[in-house]
Structure formats: C-alpha cells, structure tokens
Amino acid sequence: VRLERIGEPSVFIAADQITDESLGRGVAGQVAEKDGLVLWYWSAGDTDLQTGFRPDHPDDVVSLYEKSRALFVAEENR
C-alpha cells in the first residue's frame, strides 16, 4: 500500500507487514463518519502501528477496503 499525501511524505506499507485491516471511525484523534476510514494494522520490526486513510469520495471506502483485504489474504496464502 502506498499512500501519497499532499504536503506530506508518502507512506509505503508492504503487504507482508499488514497484520489486519478494518473499517473504522477514527484514528489518532481524527474522526470521520461511521466506517469512513480504512484502517491498516501493521508492524515495522517490533513496533505495531495503525494507519487510517479516508478517501476523498465516500463510495471509495468500501472499494479500497476490499482491495486491501484481497492483498492481505493473498499475502496470508503465500
């Protein structure tokens, strides 16, 4: 997963680092509508992290979640 952010450095999370994903409402003090964020739970070495992304268009939330879930499942099956 590569997140490109305006005015901030990009974030890259390798598929094998993702431990879970879900739909959520908030992360790190940022709040969205119910299930408005795609949340990735991942590890960087011994550190467990959570990153949330809110697409510009609400309809894209489910699509992004399903695509990231497919990546996660594919990585589990390797």
N, C-alpha and C. Protein backbone atom coordinates (compact mmCIF):
# COMPACT_ATOMS: atom_id res chain seq x y z
N VAL A 1 0.86 -1.17 0.00
CA VAL A 1 0.00 0.00 0.00
C VAL A 1 0.90 1.22 0.00
N ARG A 2 0.67 2.11 -0.94
CA ARG A 2 1.42 3.37 -0.96
C ARG A 2 0.41 4.51 -0.85
N LEU A 3 0.57 5.30 0.18
CA LEU A 3 -0.30 6.45 0.41
C LEU A 3 0.47 7.70 0.03
N GLU A 4 -0.03 8.42 -0.96
CA GLU A 4 0.59 9.68 -1.36
C GLU A 4 -0.26 10.80 -0.79
N ARG A 5 0.39 11.67 -0.01
CA ARG A 5 -0.33 12.72 0.70
C ARG A 5 0.17 14.08 0.24
N ILE A 6 -0.73 15.00 0.04
CA ILE A 6 -0.37 16.35 -0.37
C ILE A 6 0.31 17.06 0.79
N GLY A 7 1.50 17.56 0.55
CA GLY A 7 2.23 18.31 1.57
C GLY A 7 2.91 17.46 2.63
N GLU A 8 2.85 16.16 2.51
CA GLU A 8 3.47 15.25 3.47
C GLU A 8 4.21 14.15 2.70
N PRO A 9 5.19 13.51 3.34
CA PRO A 9 5.86 12.40 2.68
C PRO A 9 4.91 11.23 2.43
N SER A 10 5.18 10.49 1.36
CA SER A 10 4.40 9.29 1.08
C SER A 10 4.68 8.23 2.13
N VAL A 11 3.72 7.33 2.32
CA VAL A 11 3.87 6.21 3.24
C VAL A 11 3.72 4.93 2.43
N PHE A 12 4.65 3.99 2.60
CA PHE A 12 4.57 2.70 1.92
C PHE A 12 4.50 1.61 2.98
N ILE A 13 3.51 0.74 2.86
CA ILE A 13 3.36 -0.40 3.76
C ILE A 13 3.39 -1.66 2.89
N ALA A 14 4.40 -2.49 3.07
CA ALA A 14 4.50 -3.73 2.31
C ALA A 14 3.41 -4.69 2.75
N ALA A 15 2.89 -5.48 1.82
CA ALA A 15 1.79 -6.41 2.11
C ALA A 15 2.14 -7.35 3.26
N ASP A 16 3.39 -7.78 3.33
CA ASP A 16 3.76 -8.73 4.39
C ASP A 16 3.88 -8.07 5.77
N GLN A 17 3.78 -6.74 5.83
CA GLN A 17 3.79 -6.04 7.11
C GLN A 17 2.38 -5.88 7.68
N ILE A 18 1.35 -6.00 6.82
CA ILE A 18 -0.03 -5.80 7.25
C ILE A 18 -0.50 -7.02 8.03
N THR A 19 -1.00 -6.77 9.23
CA THR A 19 -1.48 -7.87 10.07
C THR A 19 -3.00 -7.95 10.09
N ASP A 20 -3.67 -6.84 9.76
CA ASP A 20 -5.13 -6.83 9.72
C ASP A 20 -5.59 -5.52 9.11
N GLU A 21 -6.85 -5.46 8.74
CA GLU A 21 -7.43 -4.21 8.27
C GLU A 21 -8.90 -4.21 8.66
N SER A 22 -9.45 -3.01 8.74
CA SER A 22 -10.86 -2.89 9.10
C SER A 22 -11.38 -1.55 8.64
N LEU A 23 -12.68 -1.38 8.77
CA LEU A 23 -13.29 -0.08 8.57
C LEU A 23 -13.48 0.53 9.95
N GLY A 24 -13.27 1.82 10.06
CA GLY A 24 -13.38 2.44 11.37
C GLY A 24 -13.85 3.87 11.28
N ARG A 25 -13.93 4.46 12.45
CA ARG A 25 -14.43 5.82 12.56
C ARG A 25 -13.32 6.83 12.85
N GLY A 26 -12.25 6.39 13.49
CA GLY A 26 -11.23 7.35 13.84
C GLY A 26 -9.90 6.70 14.14
N VAL A 27 -8.87 7.52 14.08
CA VAL A 27 -7.51 7.10 14.41
C VAL A 27 -6.72 8.34 14.81
N ALA A 28 -5.95 8.24 15.87
CA ALA A 28 -5.05 9.31 16.33
C ALA A 28 -5.75 10.67 16.41
N GLY A 29 -6.94 10.67 16.99
CA GLY A 29 -7.63 11.93 17.20
C GLY A 29 -8.41 12.45 15.99
N GLN A 30 -8.28 11.80 14.85
CA GLN A 30 -9.03 12.17 13.66
C GLN A 30 -10.31 11.34 13.62
N VAL A 31 -11.44 12.01 13.46
CA VAL A 31 -12.71 11.31 13.48
C VAL A 31 -13.43 11.53 12.15
N ALA A 32 -14.02 10.46 11.64
CA ALA A 32 -14.81 10.51 10.41
C ALA A 32 -16.17 9.89 10.71
N GLU A 33 -17.01 9.84 9.69
CA GLU A 33 -18.30 9.17 9.86
C GLU A 33 -18.08 7.68 10.11
N LYS A 34 -19.12 7.00 10.60
CA LYS A 34 -19.01 5.57 10.89
C LYS A 34 -18.51 4.83 9.66
N ASP A 35 -17.49 4.00 9.85
CA ASP A 35 -16.87 3.22 8.77
C ASP A 35 -16.37 4.10 7.63
N GLY A 36 -15.94 5.30 7.95
CA GLY A 36 -15.46 6.24 6.94
C GLY A 36 -13.97 6.15 6.67
N LEU A 37 -13.26 5.36 7.47
CA LEU A 37 -11.81 5.20 7.29
C LEU A 37 -11.48 3.74 7.02
N VAL A 38 -10.49 3.54 6.17
CA VAL A 38 -9.90 2.21 6.03
C VAL A 38 -8.70 2.20 6.96
N LEU A 39 -8.65 1.24 7.86
CA LEU A 39 -7.58 1.14 8.85
C LEU A 39 -6.71 -0.06 8.54
N TRP A 40 -5.41 0.16 8.51
CA TRP A 40 -4.45 -0.92 8.34
C TRP A 40 -3.67 -1.06 9.64
N TYR A 41 -3.58 -2.28 10.12
CA TYR A 41 -2.77 -2.62 11.29
C TYR A 41 -1.53 -3.30 10.73
N TRP A 42 -0.36 -2.80 11.11
CA TRP A 42 0.86 -3.34 10.52
C TRP A 42 2.01 -3.23 11.49
N SER A 43 3.08 -3.92 11.14
CA SER A 43 4.24 -3.90 12.03
C SER A 43 5.47 -3.42 11.26
N ALA A 44 6.28 -2.67 11.97
CA ALA A 44 7.58 -2.22 11.47
C ALA A 44 8.59 -2.72 12.49
N GLY A 45 9.17 -3.88 12.21
CA GLY A 45 10.04 -4.51 13.20
C GLY A 45 9.22 -4.96 14.38
N ASP A 46 9.58 -4.50 15.58
CA ASP A 46 8.86 -4.87 16.80
C ASP A 46 7.75 -3.88 17.16
N THR A 47 7.52 -2.90 16.30
CA THR A 47 6.54 -1.86 16.60
C THR A 47 5.25 -2.11 15.84
N ASP A 48 4.14 -2.19 16.57
CA ASP A 48 2.82 -2.33 15.96
C ASP A 48 2.25 -0.95 15.69
N LEU A 49 1.72 -0.78 14.48
CA LEU A 49 1.21 0.52 14.05
C LEU A 49 -0.20 0.40 13.49
N GLN A 50 -0.88 1.53 13.44
CA GLN A 50 -2.18 1.60 12.81
C GLN A 50 -2.19 2.85 11.94
N THR A 51 -2.59 2.69 10.69
CA THR A 51 -2.68 3.82 9.77
C THR A 51 -4.08 3.84 9.19
N GLY A 52 -4.69 5.01 9.19
CA GLY A 52 -6.03 5.15 8.64
C GLY A 52 -6.01 6.05 7.42
N PHE A 53 -6.89 5.75 6.48
CA PHE A 53 -6.99 6.55 5.26
C PHE A 53 -8.45 6.81 4.96
N ARG A 54 -8.75 8.04 4.66
CA ARG A 54 -10.11 8.43 4.29
C ARG A 54 -10.09 8.94 2.86
N PRO A 55 -10.64 8.14 1.92
CA PRO A 55 -10.68 8.58 0.52
C PRO A 55 -11.49 9.87 0.37
N ASP A 56 -11.23 10.60 -0.70
CA ASP A 56 -11.97 11.83 -0.98
C ASP A 56 -13.46 11.57 -1.18
N HIS A 57 -13.78 10.43 -1.79
CA HIS A 57 -15.17 10.10 -2.08
C HIS A 57 -15.63 8.96 -1.18
N PRO A 58 -16.70 9.13 -0.43
CA PRO A 58 -17.17 8.09 0.49
C PRO A 58 -17.39 6.73 -0.18
N ASP A 59 -17.83 6.72 -1.44
CA ASP A 59 -18.05 5.45 -2.13
C ASP A 59 -16.77 4.65 -2.31
N ASP A 60 -15.61 5.31 -2.25
CA ASP A 60 -14.34 4.63 -2.45
C ASP A 60 -13.86 3.88 -1.20
N VAL A 61 -14.49 4.13 -0.06
CA VAL A 61 -14.07 3.47 1.18
C VAL A 61 -14.20 1.95 1.07
N VAL A 62 -15.36 1.48 0.65
CA VAL A 62 -15.59 0.03 0.56
C VAL A 62 -14.67 -0.58 -0.51
N SER A 63 -14.52 0.09 -1.64
CA SER A 63 -13.65 -0.42 -2.70
C SER A 63 -12.21 -0.55 -2.22
N LEU A 64 -11.70 0.48 -1.55
CA LEU A 64 -10.34 0.44 -1.02
C LEU A 64 -10.18 -0.66 0.02
N TYR A 65 -11.18 -0.80 0.90
CA TYR A 65 -11.13 -1.85 1.91
C TYR A 65 -11.07 -3.23 1.24
N GLU A 66 -11.93 -3.46 0.27
CA GLU A 66 -11.97 -4.77 -0.39
C GLU A 66 -10.66 -5.06 -1.11
N LYS A 67 -10.08 -4.06 -1.76
CA LYS A 67 -8.81 -4.27 -2.46
C LYS A 67 -7.67 -4.52 -1.47
N SER A 68 -7.65 -3.82 -0.36
CA SER A 68 -6.59 -4.05 0.62
C SER A 68 -6.80 -5.40 1.30
N ARG A 69 -8.03 -5.80 1.51
CA ARG A 69 -8.32 -7.12 2.09
C ARG A 69 -7.82 -8.22 1.16
N ALA A 70 -8.01 -8.04 -0.14
CA ALA A 70 -7.53 -9.02 -1.12
C ALA A 70 -6.00 -9.14 -1.06
N LEU A 71 -5.30 -8.02 -0.90
CA LEU A 71 -3.84 -8.06 -0.75
C LEU A 71 -3.44 -8.82 0.49
N PHE A 72 -4.13 -8.55 1.59
CA PHE A 72 -3.82 -9.19 2.86
C PHE A 72 -4.06 -10.70 2.78
N VAL A 73 -5.18 -11.11 2.21
CA VAL A 73 -5.50 -12.53 2.09
C VAL A 73 -4.49 -13.21 1.17
N ALA A 74 -4.13 -12.57 0.06
CA ALA A 74 -3.15 -13.13 -0.87
C ALA A 74 -1.80 -13.33 -0.17
N GLU A 75 -1.41 -12.38 0.65
CA GLU A 75 -0.14 -12.50 1.37
C GLU A 75 -0.20 -13.62 2.40
N GLU A 76 -1.35 -13.80 3.07
CA GLU A 76 -1.51 -14.89 4.03
C GLU A 76 -1.37 -16.25 3.37
N ASN A 77 -1.81 -16.37 2.13
CA ASN A 77 -1.82 -17.64 1.43
C ASN A 77 -0.49 -17.99 0.80
N ARG A 78 0.49 -17.12 0.89
CA ARG A 78 1.82 -17.40 0.31
C ARG A 78 2.56 -18.38 1.15
